[in-house]
């Protein structure tokens, strides 16, 4: 997507340093309000700036309440998913325990996506089986991304096919591989290069990701509020 870099930086400066409303920023820069809104949505405002915006725009309070309401609703969904994971942990299913401990050690800990990266197909097979049996996530719902170096008589597409076979996943799971070129130093240390690279298996589901994170806390006997957000 084409981004007007100068206008974007100017918009962020006007929002962050001066606390101007989106409408005024758009008028000053001659751009759409939707663009300004997108550019500055992560800019933190001071309490004084919030107060000034409320005085200038009576609708600001309603907008702020709407945003807070959406955030609270999303957090409630994540909390419910974590409670689901805690309940699963209390059942004592060995596969669920294995999958959660594997994810605790190697997983991405993302709020909305459960992903695991490794070079060992055996480890990833356990993760795939865990998602299938414990969370009803079939193979076709997973995303497989391979990061590799060309060589061993194989190109990126051949290496992706190797991983699909190794993990018993359908071809629809495969994303475009990330193929890295070897440096001269790496070519001299050729034996250290993984012939099939690494694979990332991911399911894009807030519920699954948060359920696993809740279960890990239950198994480990600790609380990690930052995982909930």
Protein backbone atom coordinates (compact mmCIF):
# COMPACT_ATOMS: atom_id res chain seq x y z
CA UNK A 1 0.00 0.00 0.00
CA UNK A 2 1.34 3.48 -0.92
CA UNK A 3 1.89 5.63 2.16
CA UNK A 4 2.49 9.38 2.12
CA UNK A 5 5.43 9.29 4.51
CA UNK A 6 5.82 13.06 4.99
CA UNK A 7 2.12 13.57 5.69
CA UNK A 8 2.06 10.59 8.03
CA UNK A 9 4.97 11.90 10.10
CA UNK A 10 3.45 15.37 10.18
CA UNK A 11 0.12 13.95 11.32
CA UNK A 12 1.77 12.00 14.14
CA UNK A 13 3.66 15.12 15.24
CA UNK A 14 0.50 17.24 15.27
CA UNK A 15 -1.35 14.57 17.21
CA UNK A 16 1.36 13.68 19.72
CA UNK A 17 2.96 17.06 20.38
CA UNK A 18 -0.08 19.30 20.00
CA UNK A 19 -3.00 16.93 20.65
CA UNK A 20 -4.94 18.21 17.64
CA UNK A 21 -8.18 16.49 16.64
CA UNK A 22 -8.15 14.24 13.61
CA UNK A 23 -10.44 16.56 11.64
CA UNK A 24 -8.12 19.53 12.07
CA UNK A 25 -5.03 17.49 11.19
CA UNK A 26 -6.73 16.26 8.01
CA UNK A 27 -7.66 19.82 7.01
CA UNK A 28 -4.15 21.15 7.64
CA UNK A 29 -2.48 18.40 5.63
CA UNK A 30 -5.11 18.09 2.90
CA UNK A 31 -5.64 14.38 3.41
CA UNK A 32 -8.58 12.18 4.30
CA UNK A 33 -9.67 11.87 7.92
CA UNK A 34 -9.61 8.09 7.55
CA UNK A 35 -5.90 8.25 6.65
CA UNK A 36 -5.11 10.44 9.65
CA UNK A 37 -7.08 8.14 11.93
CA UNK A 38 -5.06 5.16 10.70
CA UNK A 39 -1.73 6.97 11.02
CA UNK A 40 -2.21 8.22 14.58
CA UNK A 41 -4.24 5.45 16.21
CA UNK A 42 -1.26 4.28 18.30
CA UNK A 43 -0.20 7.78 19.39
CA UNK A 44 -0.59 8.19 23.15
CA UNK A 45 -2.22 11.42 24.36
CA UNK A 46 -1.68 13.07 27.71
CA UNK A 47 -4.61 13.58 30.12
CA UNK A 48 -4.49 17.30 29.31
CA UNK A 49 -4.73 16.57 25.58
CA UNK A 50 -7.69 14.26 26.17
CA UNK A 51 -9.41 17.02 28.15
CA UNK A 52 -8.77 19.58 25.39
CA UNK A 53 -10.24 17.25 22.77
CA UNK A 54 -13.34 16.76 24.90
CA UNK A 55 -13.86 20.52 25.04
CA UNK A 56 -13.39 20.94 21.28
CA UNK A 57 -15.50 17.97 20.22
CA UNK A 58 -18.55 16.87 22.27
CA UNK A 59 -18.59 13.61 20.31
CA UNK A 60 -15.11 12.76 21.56
CA UNK A 61 -16.47 11.37 24.82
CA UNK A 62 -18.78 9.04 22.93
CA UNK A 63 -15.94 7.95 20.64
CA UNK A 64 -13.69 7.29 23.63
CA UNK A 65 -16.39 5.31 25.41
CA UNK A 66 -16.95 3.27 22.26
CA UNK A 67 -13.27 2.46 21.97
CA UNK A 68 -13.06 1.54 25.66
CA UNK A 69 -16.15 -0.63 25.33
CA UNK A 70 -14.70 -2.53 22.38
CA UNK A 71 -11.42 -3.04 24.23
CA UNK A 72 -13.24 -4.31 27.31
CA UNK A 73 -15.35 -6.70 25.23
CA UNK A 74 -12.27 -8.09 23.47
CA UNK A 75 -10.50 -8.54 26.80
CA UNK A 76 -13.52 -10.39 28.19
CA UNK A 77 -13.36 -12.80 25.24
CA UNK A 78 -9.67 -13.43 25.91
CA UNK A 79 -10.35 -13.97 29.60
CA UNK A 80 -13.08 -16.51 28.82
CA UNK A 81 -10.69 -18.38 26.54
CA UNK A 82 -8.03 -18.48 29.24
CA UNK A 83 -10.57 -19.90 31.69
CA UNK A 84 -11.39 -22.56 29.10
CA UNK A 85 -7.70 -23.49 28.94
CA UNK A 86 -7.45 -23.66 32.71
CA UNK A 87 -10.41 -26.05 32.78
CA UNK A 88 -8.76 -28.26 30.16
CA UNK A 89 -5.55 -28.30 32.19
CA UNK A 90 -7.42 -29.53 35.27
CA UNK A 91 -8.61 -32.58 33.30
CA UNK A 92 -5.08 -33.94 33.17
CA UNK A 93 -5.00 -34.98 29.50
CA UNK A 94 -1.37 -36.02 28.71
CA UNK A 95 -1.47 -34.69 25.13
CA UNK A 96 -2.83 -31.35 26.28
CA UNK A 97 -0.05 -31.13 28.85
CA UNK A 98 2.57 -32.02 26.22
CA UNK A 99 1.29 -29.45 23.76
CA UNK A 100 1.09 -26.68 26.34
CA UNK A 101 4.57 -27.34 27.71
CA UNK A 102 5.94 -27.41 24.16
CA UNK A 103 4.24 -24.10 23.44
CA UNK A 104 5.46 -22.62 26.72
CA UNK A 105 9.04 -23.47 25.74
CA UNK A 106 8.98 -22.73 22.01
CA UNK A 107 5.74 -20.93 21.14
CA UNK A 108 5.27 -17.34 20.01
CA UNK A 109 3.04 -16.25 22.99
CA UNK A 110 1.05 -14.03 20.62
CA UNK A 111 -2.30 -12.70 21.81
CA UNK A 112 -4.27 -13.76 18.73
CA UNK A 113 -2.20 -16.49 17.05
CA UNK A 114 -0.75 -19.77 18.30
CA UNK A 115 2.48 -20.41 16.38
CA UNK A 116 5.47 -22.70 16.82
CA UNK A 117 8.76 -22.59 14.89
CA UNK A 118 11.28 -25.41 14.83
CA UNK A 119 13.61 -27.40 12.62
CA UNK A 120 12.51 -30.79 14.01
CA UNK A 121 9.48 -32.29 12.27
CA UNK A 122 8.84 -34.61 15.22
CA UNK A 123 8.30 -31.64 17.51
CA UNK A 124 5.99 -29.91 15.06
CA UNK A 125 4.03 -33.14 14.54
CA UNK A 126 3.25 -33.18 18.27
CA UNK A 127 2.04 -29.58 18.02
CA UNK A 128 -0.16 -30.37 15.00
CA UNK A 129 -1.66 -33.38 16.78
CA UNK A 130 -2.22 -31.28 19.92
CA UNK A 131 -4.13 -28.62 17.97
CA UNK A 132 -6.21 -31.23 16.17
CA UNK A 133 -7.21 -33.37 19.13
CA UNK A 134 -7.39 -30.80 21.91
CA UNK A 135 -8.74 -27.80 19.97
CA UNK A 136 -10.46 -29.34 16.93
CA UNK A 137 -8.16 -27.47 14.54
CA UNK A 138 -7.85 -29.62 11.38
CA UNK A 139 -4.78 -29.51 9.19
CA UNK A 140 -6.39 -27.34 6.52
CA UNK A 141 -6.87 -24.56 9.10
CA UNK A 142 -3.14 -24.32 9.80
CA UNK A 143 -0.62 -22.07 8.08
CA UNK A 144 2.80 -23.52 7.24
CA UNK A 145 5.67 -21.13 6.49
CA UNK A 146 9.14 -22.46 5.73
CA UNK A 147 12.36 -20.51 6.19
CA UNK A 148 15.24 -22.18 4.36
CA UNK A 149 18.42 -21.92 2.28
CA UNK A 150 18.56 -23.29 -1.25
CA UNK A 151 20.76 -26.32 -1.64
CA UNK A 152 20.83 -30.08 -1.10
CA UNK A 153 19.45 -30.30 -4.62
CA UNK A 154 16.19 -28.70 -3.47
CA UNK A 155 14.58 -25.34 -4.08
CA UNK A 156 12.12 -23.57 -1.79
CA UNK A 157 9.04 -25.26 -3.24
CA UNK A 158 10.59 -28.72 -2.88
CA UNK A 159 11.46 -28.01 0.74
CA UNK A 160 7.88 -26.88 1.42
CA UNK A 161 6.62 -30.15 -0.07
CA UNK A 162 9.01 -32.03 2.21
CA UNK A 163 7.55 -30.31 5.26
CA UNK A 164 3.99 -30.93 4.11
CA UNK A 165 4.74 -34.65 3.87
CA UNK A 166 6.63 -34.68 7.18
CA UNK A 167 3.71 -33.06 9.01
CA UNK A 168 0.96 -34.79 7.01
CA UNK A 169 -0.57 -31.43 6.11
CA UNK A 170 -2.57 -30.62 2.96
CA UNK A 171 -1.06 -28.37 0.30
CA UNK A 172 -3.53 -25.57 1.11
CA UNK A 173 -1.63 -24.92 4.35
CA UNK A 174 1.55 -23.83 2.60
CA UNK A 175 2.50 -20.16 2.44
CA UNK A 176 5.25 -18.77 0.22
CA UNK A 177 8.63 -19.93 1.59
CA UNK A 178 11.26 -17.51 2.85
CA UNK A 179 14.42 -18.48 0.96
CA UNK A 180 17.66 -17.00 2.29
CA UNK A 181 20.87 -16.76 0.26
CA UNK A 182 24.00 -18.11 1.88
CA UNK A 183 26.81 -15.72 2.69
CA UNK A 184 30.36 -16.67 1.77
CA UNK A 185 31.06 -17.46 5.44
CA UNK A 186 28.00 -19.71 5.62
CA UNK A 187 29.05 -21.52 2.45
CA UNK A 188 32.36 -22.35 4.11
CA UNK A 189 30.44 -23.74 7.10
CA UNK A 190 28.00 -25.64 4.89
CA UNK A 191 27.62 -28.46 7.38
CA UNK A 192 25.96 -26.11 9.88
CA UNK A 193 23.10 -25.19 7.52
CA UNK A 194 19.82 -27.01 8.15
CA UNK A 195 19.02 -28.83 4.88
CA UNK A 196 15.25 -28.26 5.27
CA UNK A 197 15.41 -25.02 7.23
CA UNK A 198 12.77 -24.31 9.85
CA UNK A 199 9.00 -24.46 9.67
CA UNK A 200 6.40 -22.30 11.37
CA UNK A 201 3.02 -23.87 12.09
CA UNK A 202 0.35 -21.37 13.09
CA UNK A 203 -3.37 -21.14 13.73
CA UNK A 204 -4.84 -17.64 13.66
CA UNK A 205 -7.31 -17.89 16.50
CA UNK A 206 -7.55 -15.67 19.56
CA UNK A 207 -9.54 -18.36 21.36
CA UNK A 208 -6.97 -21.11 20.79
CA UNK A 209 -3.99 -18.89 21.60
CA UNK A 210 -5.54 -17.57 24.82
CA UNK A 211 -6.80 -20.99 25.90
CA UNK A 212 -3.28 -22.37 25.63
CA UNK A 213 -1.87 -19.41 27.57
CA UNK A 214 -4.48 -19.89 30.29
CA UNK A 215 -3.68 -23.59 30.51
CA UNK A 216 0.05 -22.90 30.82
CA UNK A 217 -0.62 -20.65 33.82
CA UNK A 218 -2.79 -23.36 35.37
CA UNK A 219 -0.15 -26.04 34.85
CA UNK A 220 2.64 -23.78 36.07
CA UNK A 221 0.77 -22.32 39.03
CA UNK A 222 1.47 -18.70 38.16
CA UNK A 223 -0.29 -15.63 36.78
CA UNK A 224 0.91 -13.68 33.72
CA UNK A 225 -1.48 -10.71 33.20
CA UNK A 226 0.55 -9.45 30.24
CA UNK A 227 -0.55 -12.49 28.21
CA UNK A 228 -4.16 -11.42 28.61
CA UNK A 229 -3.50 -7.82 27.66
